[in-house]
Amino acid sequence: MSERKFARGLGKPGTAAQLRETVSQVVKENTELLAGFLRLISDCFEISGACNLAYSIE
């Protein structure tokens, strides 16, 4: 039922484009946030030497 209401709302001019832009922006922001977090984790491993330990175990 709610799917029909959602699809019906996309028929309004500009609504689908606006939704695509909003989703695109959210994905971009979350990707940037995740990339920053992964860089932070990577830096912590490099500083502590844990990264070298993990590689030597393999």
PDB file of N, CA and C in Angstrom:
ATOM      1  N   MET A   1       0.827  -1.191   0.000  1.00  0.00           N
ATOM      2  CA  MET A   1       0.000   0.000   0.000  1.00  0.00           C
ATOM      3  C   MET A   1       0.870   1.254   0.000  1.00  0.00           C
ATOM      4  N   SER A   2       1.848   1.321   0.891  1.00  0.00           N
ATOM      5  CA  SER A   2       2.695   2.507   0.947  1.00  0.00           C
ATOM      6  C   SER A   2       3.565   2.621  -0.303  1.00  0.00           C
ATOM      7  N   GLU A   3       3.836   1.480  -0.969  1.00  0.00           N
ATOM      8  CA  GLU A   3       4.632   1.516  -2.190  1.00  0.00           C
ATOM      9  C   GLU A   3       3.894   2.271  -3.285  1.00  0.00           C
ATOM     10  N   ARG A   4       2.579   2.084  -3.349  1.00  0.00           N
ATOM     11  CA  ARG A   4       1.788   2.797  -4.354  1.00  0.00           C
ATOM     12  C   ARG A   4       1.802   4.294  -4.078  1.00  0.00           C
ATOM     13  N   LYS A   5       1.657   4.666  -2.811  1.00  0.00           N
ATOM     14  CA  LYS A   5       1.686   6.085  -2.457  1.00  0.00           C
ATOM     15  C   LYS A   5       3.036   6.689  -2.819  1.00  0.00           C
ATOM     16  N   PHE A   6       4.097   5.945  -2.570  1.00  0.00           N
ATOM     17  CA  PHE A   6       5.436   6.417  -2.896  1.00  0.00           C
ATOM     18  C   PHE A   6       5.574   6.609  -4.403  1.00  0.00           C
ATOM     19  N   ALA A   7       5.160   5.631  -5.181  1.00  0.00           N
ATOM     20  CA  ALA A   7       5.267   5.705  -6.640  1.00  0.00           C
ATOM     21  C   ALA A   7       4.402   6.835  -7.184  1.00  0.00           C
ATOM     22  N   ARG A   8       3.232   7.012  -6.616  1.00  0.00           N
ATOM     23  CA  ARG A   8       2.338   8.077  -7.065  1.00  0.00           C
ATOM     24  C   ARG A   8       2.979   9.448  -6.830  1.00  0.00           C
ATOM     25  N   GLY A   9       3.671   9.601  -5.712  1.00  0.00           N
ATOM     26  CA  GLY A   9       4.323  10.873  -5.389  1.00  0.00           C
ATOM     27  C   GLY A   9       5.446  11.211  -6.347  1.00  0.00           C
ATOM     28  N   LEU A  10       6.060  10.193  -6.936  1.00  0.00           N
ATOM     29  CA  LEU A  10       7.156  10.450  -7.877  1.00  0.00           C
ATOM     30  C   LEU A  10       6.656  11.011  -9.198  1.00  0.00           C
ATOM     31  N   GLY A  11       5.342  10.944  -9.427  1.00  0.00           N
ATOM     32  CA  GLY A  11       4.778  11.487 -10.658  1.00  0.00           C
ATOM     33  C   GLY A  11       4.759  13.008 -10.702  1.00  0.00           C
ATOM     34  N   LYS A  12       4.927  13.633  -9.572  1.00  0.00           N
ATOM     35  CA  LYS A  12       4.938  15.097  -9.533  1.00  0.00           C
ATOM     36  C   LYS A  12       6.217  15.598 -10.180  1.00  0.00           C
ATOM     37  N   PRO A  13       6.138  16.693 -10.931  1.00  0.00           N
ATOM     38  CA  PRO A  13       7.331  17.208 -11.621  1.00  0.00           C
ATOM     39  C   PRO A  13       8.477  17.515 -10.657  1.00  0.00           C
ATOM     40  N   GLY A  14       9.633  16.963 -10.963  1.00  0.00           N
ATOM     41  CA  GLY A  14      10.833  17.250 -10.189  1.00  0.00           C
ATOM     42  C   GLY A  14      11.023  16.391  -8.958  1.00  0.00           C
ATOM     43  N   THR A  15      10.012  15.622  -8.578  1.00  0.00           N
ATOM     44  CA  THR A  15      10.098  14.843  -7.350  1.00  0.00           C
ATOM     45  C   THR A  15      11.136  13.734  -7.454  1.00  0.00           C
ATOM     46  N   ALA A  16      11.125  12.987  -8.562  1.00  0.00           N
ATOM     47  CA  ALA A  16      12.076  11.888  -8.724  1.00  0.00           C
ATOM     48  C   ALA A  16      13.508  12.421  -8.778  1.00  0.00           C
ATOM     49  N   ALA A  17      13.699  13.518  -9.487  1.00  0.00           N
ATOM     50  CA  ALA A  17      15.039  14.112  -9.578  1.00  0.00           C
ATOM     51  C   ALA A  17      15.505  14.597  -8.213  1.00  0.00           C
ATOM     52  N   GLN A  18      14.606  15.182  -7.467  1.00  0.00           N
ATOM     53  CA  GLN A  18      14.950  15.662  -6.128  1.00  0.00           C
ATOM     54  C   GLN A  18      15.307  14.493  -5.218  1.00  0.00           C
ATOM     55  N   LEU A  19      14.562  13.400  -5.318  1.00  0.00           N
ATOM     56  CA  LEU A  19      14.841  12.221  -4.516  1.00  0.00           C
ATOM     57  C   LEU A  19      16.201  11.634  -4.885  1.00  0.00           C
ATOM     58  N   ARG A  20      16.494  11.533  -6.185  1.00  0.00           N
ATOM     59  CA  ARG A  20      17.797  11.022  -6.624  1.00  0.00           C
ATOM     60  C   ARG A  20      18.923  11.881  -6.087  1.00  0.00           C
ATOM     61  N   GLU A  21      18.756  13.194  -6.114  1.00  0.00           N
ATOM     62  CA  GLU A  21      19.782  14.113  -5.623  1.00  0.00           C
ATOM     63  C   GLU A  21      19.983  13.942  -4.121  1.00  0.00           C
ATOM     64  N   THR A  22      18.886  13.799  -3.392  1.00  0.00           N
ATOM     65  CA  THR A  22      18.969  13.619  -1.943  1.00  0.00           C
ATOM     66  C   THR A  22      19.684  12.317  -1.599  1.00  0.00           C
ATOM     67  N   VAL A  23      19.302  11.243  -2.270  1.00  0.00           N
ATOM     68  CA  VAL A  23      19.936   9.947  -2.013  1.00  0.00           C
ATOM     69  C   VAL A  23      21.412  10.003  -2.381  1.00  0.00           C
ATOM     70  N   SER A  24      21.719  10.632  -3.501  1.00  0.00           N
ATOM     71  CA  SER A  24      23.112  10.764  -3.931  1.00  0.00           C
ATOM     72  C   SER A  24      23.936  11.506  -2.886  1.00  0.00           C
ATOM     73  N   GLN A  25      23.390  12.573  -2.341  1.00  0.00           N
ATOM     74  CA  GLN A  25      24.091  13.368  -1.333  1.00  0.00           C
ATOM     75  C   GLN A  25      24.317  12.561  -0.059  1.00  0.00           C
ATOM     76  N   VAL A  26      23.314  11.814   0.366  1.00  0.00           N
ATOM     77  CA  VAL A  26      23.443  10.995   1.580  1.00  0.00           C
ATOM     78  C   VAL A  26      24.512   9.926   1.383  1.00  0.00           C
ATOM     79  N   VAL A  27      24.505   9.281   0.231  1.00  0.00           N
ATOM     80  CA  VAL A  27      25.506   8.248  -0.051  1.00  0.00           C
ATOM     81  C   VAL A  27      26.900   8.860  -0.062  1.00  0.00           C
ATOM     82  N   LYS A  28      27.042  10.017  -0.691  1.00  0.00           N
ATOM     83  CA  LYS A  28      28.347  10.683  -0.752  1.00  0.00           C
ATOM     84  C   LYS A  28      28.850  11.037   0.640  1.00  0.00           C
ATOM     85  N   GLU A  29      27.984  11.610   1.471  1.00  0.00           N
ATOM     86  CA  GLU A  29      28.380  12.005   2.817  1.00  0.00           C
ATOM     87  C   GLU A  29      28.787  10.787   3.649  1.00  0.00           C
ATOM     88  N   ASN A  30      28.024   9.700   3.541  1.00  0.00           N
ATOM     89  CA  ASN A  30      28.345   8.510   4.317  1.00  0.00           C
ATOM     90  C   ASN A  30      29.612   7.842   3.814  1.00  0.00           C
ATOM     91  N   THR A  31      29.853   7.894   2.513  1.00  0.00           N
ATOM     92  CA  THR A  31      31.076   7.335   1.949  1.00  0.00           C
ATOM     93  C   THR A  31      32.281   8.122   2.441  1.00  0.00           C
ATOM     94  N   GLU A  32      32.169   9.449   2.467  1.00  0.00           N
ATOM     95  CA  GLU A  32      33.262  10.286   2.960  1.00  0.00           C
ATOM     96  C   GLU A  32      33.512  10.029   4.441  1.00  0.00           C
ATOM     97  N   LEU A  33      32.452   9.865   5.196  1.00  0.00           N
ATOM     98  CA  LEU A  33      32.570   9.583   6.632  1.00  0.00           C
ATOM     99  C   LEU A  33      33.267   8.240   6.855  1.00  0.00           C
ATOM    100  N   LEU A  34      32.848   7.228   6.113  1.00  0.00           N
ATOM    101  CA  LEU A  34      33.452   5.901   6.241  1.00  0.00           C
ATOM    102  C   LEU A  34      34.917   5.926   5.829  1.00  0.00           C
ATOM    103  N   ALA A  35      35.236   6.631   4.746  1.00  0.00           N
ATOM    104  CA  ALA A  35      36.625   6.719   4.294  1.00  0.00           C
ATOM    105  C   ALA A  35      37.496   7.391   5.358  1.00  0.00           C
ATOM    106  N   GLY A  36      36.991   8.429   5.984  1.00  0.00           N
ATOM    107  CA  GLY A  36      37.725   9.105   7.052  1.00  0.00           C
ATOM    108  C   GLY A  36      37.942   8.188   8.241  1.00  0.00           C
ATOM    109  N   PHE A  37      36.925   7.433   8.589  1.00  0.00           N
ATOM    110  CA  PHE A  37      37.042   6.491   9.701  1.00  0.00           C
ATOM    111  C   PHE A  37      38.082   5.412   9.384  1.00  0.00           C
ATOM    112  N   LEU A  38      38.049   4.889   8.161  1.00  0.00           N
ATOM    113  CA  LEU A  38      39.016   3.857   7.785  1.00  0.00           C
ATOM    114  C   LEU A  38      40.441   4.401   7.769  1.00  0.00           C
ATOM    115  N   ARG A  39      40.608   5.660   7.346  1.00  0.00           N
ATOM    116  CA  ARG A  39      41.944   6.280   7.399  1.00  0.00           C
ATOM    117  C   ARG A  39      42.413   6.405   8.843  1.00  0.00           C
ATOM    118  N   LEU A  40      41.516   6.783   9.729  1.00  0.00           N
ATOM    119  CA  LEU A  40      41.852   6.914  11.147  1.00  0.00           C
ATOM    120  C   LEU A  40      42.282   5.574  11.729  1.00  0.00           C
ATOM    121  N   ILE A  41      41.521   4.540  11.446  1.00  0.00           N
ATOM    122  CA  ILE A  41      41.859   3.199  11.934  1.00  0.00           C
ATOM    123  C   ILE A  41      43.205   2.763  11.363  1.00  0.00           C
ATOM    124  N   SER A  42      43.407   3.014  10.089  1.00  0.00           N
ATOM    125  CA  SER A  42      44.668   2.639   9.449  1.00  0.00           C
ATOM    126  C   SER A  42      45.845   3.364  10.096  1.00  0.00           C
ATOM    127  N   ASP A  43      45.671   4.648  10.355  1.00  0.00           N
ATOM    128  CA  ASP A  43      46.733   5.425  11.002  1.00  0.00           C
ATOM    129  C   ASP A  43      47.029   4.895  12.400  1.00  0.00           C
ATOM    130  N   CYS A  44      45.992   4.515  13.134  1.00  0.00           N
ATOM    131  CA  CYS A  44      46.192   3.979  14.480  1.00  0.00           C
ATOM    132  C   CYS A  44      46.985   2.683  14.431  1.00  0.00           C
ATOM    133  N   PHE A  45      46.689   1.839  13.476  1.00  0.00           N
ATOM    134  CA  PHE A  45      47.423   0.591  13.337  1.00  0.00           C
ATOM    135  C   PHE A  45      48.886   0.849  12.990  1.00  0.00           C
ATOM    136  N   GLU A  46      49.121   1.799  12.104  1.00  0.00           N
ATOM    137  CA  GLU A  46      50.498   2.104  11.706  1.00  0.00           C
ATOM    138  C   GLU A  46      51.300   2.671  12.879  1.00  0.00           C
ATOM    139  N   ILE A  47      50.668   3.537  13.659  1.00  0.00           N
ATOM    140  CA  ILE A  47      51.352   4.150  14.800  1.00  0.00           C
ATOM    141  C   ILE A  47      51.676   3.096  15.860  1.00  0.00           C
ATOM    142  N   SER A  48      50.748   2.200  16.114  1.00  0.00           N
ATOM    143  CA  SER A  48      50.945   1.212  17.180  1.00  0.00           C
ATOM    144  C   SER A  48      51.788   0.027  16.739  1.00  0.00           C
ATOM    145  N   GLY A  49      51.984  -0.145  15.446  1.00  0.00           N
ATOM    146  CA  GLY A  49      52.737  -1.285  14.951  1.00  0.00           C
ATOM    147  C   GLY A  49      51.892  -2.538  14.845  1.00  0.00           C
ATOM    148  N   ALA A  50      50.618  -2.430  15.192  1.00  0.00           N
ATOM    149  CA  ALA A  50      49.743  -3.595  15.137  1.00  0.00           C
ATOM    150  C   ALA A  50      49.573  -4.077  13.704  1.00  0.00           C
ATOM    151  N   CYS A  51      49.655  -3.157  12.777  1.00  0.00           N
ATOM    152  CA  CYS A  51      49.510  -3.527  11.373  1.00  0.00           C
ATOM    153  C   CYS A  51      50.642  -4.470  10.978  1.00  0.00           C
ATOM    154  N   ASN A  52      51.865  -4.157  11.380  1.00  0.00           N
ATOM    155  CA  ASN A  52      53.008  -5.008  11.063  1.00  0.00           C
ATOM    156  C   ASN A  52      52.863  -6.378  11.719  1.00  0.00           C
ATOM    157  N   LEU A  53      52.336  -6.409  12.926  1.00  0.00           N
ATOM    158  CA  LEU A  53      52.127  -7.676  13.632  1.00  0.00           C
ATOM    159  C   LEU A  53      51.116  -8.523  12.877  1.00  0.00           C
ATOM    160  N   ALA A  54      50.023  -7.916  12.424  1.00  0.00           N
ATOM    161  CA  ALA A  54      48.989  -8.658  11.709  1.00  0.00           C
ATOM    162  C   ALA A  54      49.547  -9.264  10.437  1.00  0.00           C
ATOM    163  N   TYR A  55      50.390  -8.528   9.738  1.00  0.00           N
ATOM    164  CA  TYR A  55      50.970  -9.057   8.495  1.00  0.00           C
ATOM    165  C   TYR A  55      51.964 -10.172   8.771  1.00  0.00           C
ATOM    166  N   SER A  56      52.674 -10.105   9.884  1.00  0.00           N
ATOM    167  CA  SER A  56      53.671 -11.133  10.167  1.00  0.00           C
ATOM    168  C   SER A  56      53.032 -12.452  10.586  1.00  0.00           C
ATOM    169  N   ILE A  57      51.791 -12.395  11.088  1.00  0.00           N
ATOM    170  CA  ILE A  57      51.085 -13.616  11.488  1.00  0.00           C
ATOM    171  C   ILE A  57      50.729 -14.438  10.261  1.00  0.00           C
ATOM    172  N   GLU A  58      50.345 -13.764   9.193  1.00  0.00           N
ATOM    173  CA  GLU A  58      49.950 -14.472   7.979  1.00  0.00           C
ATOM    174  C   GLU A  58      51.174 -15.070   7.388  1.00  0.00           C
TER     175      GLU A  58
END
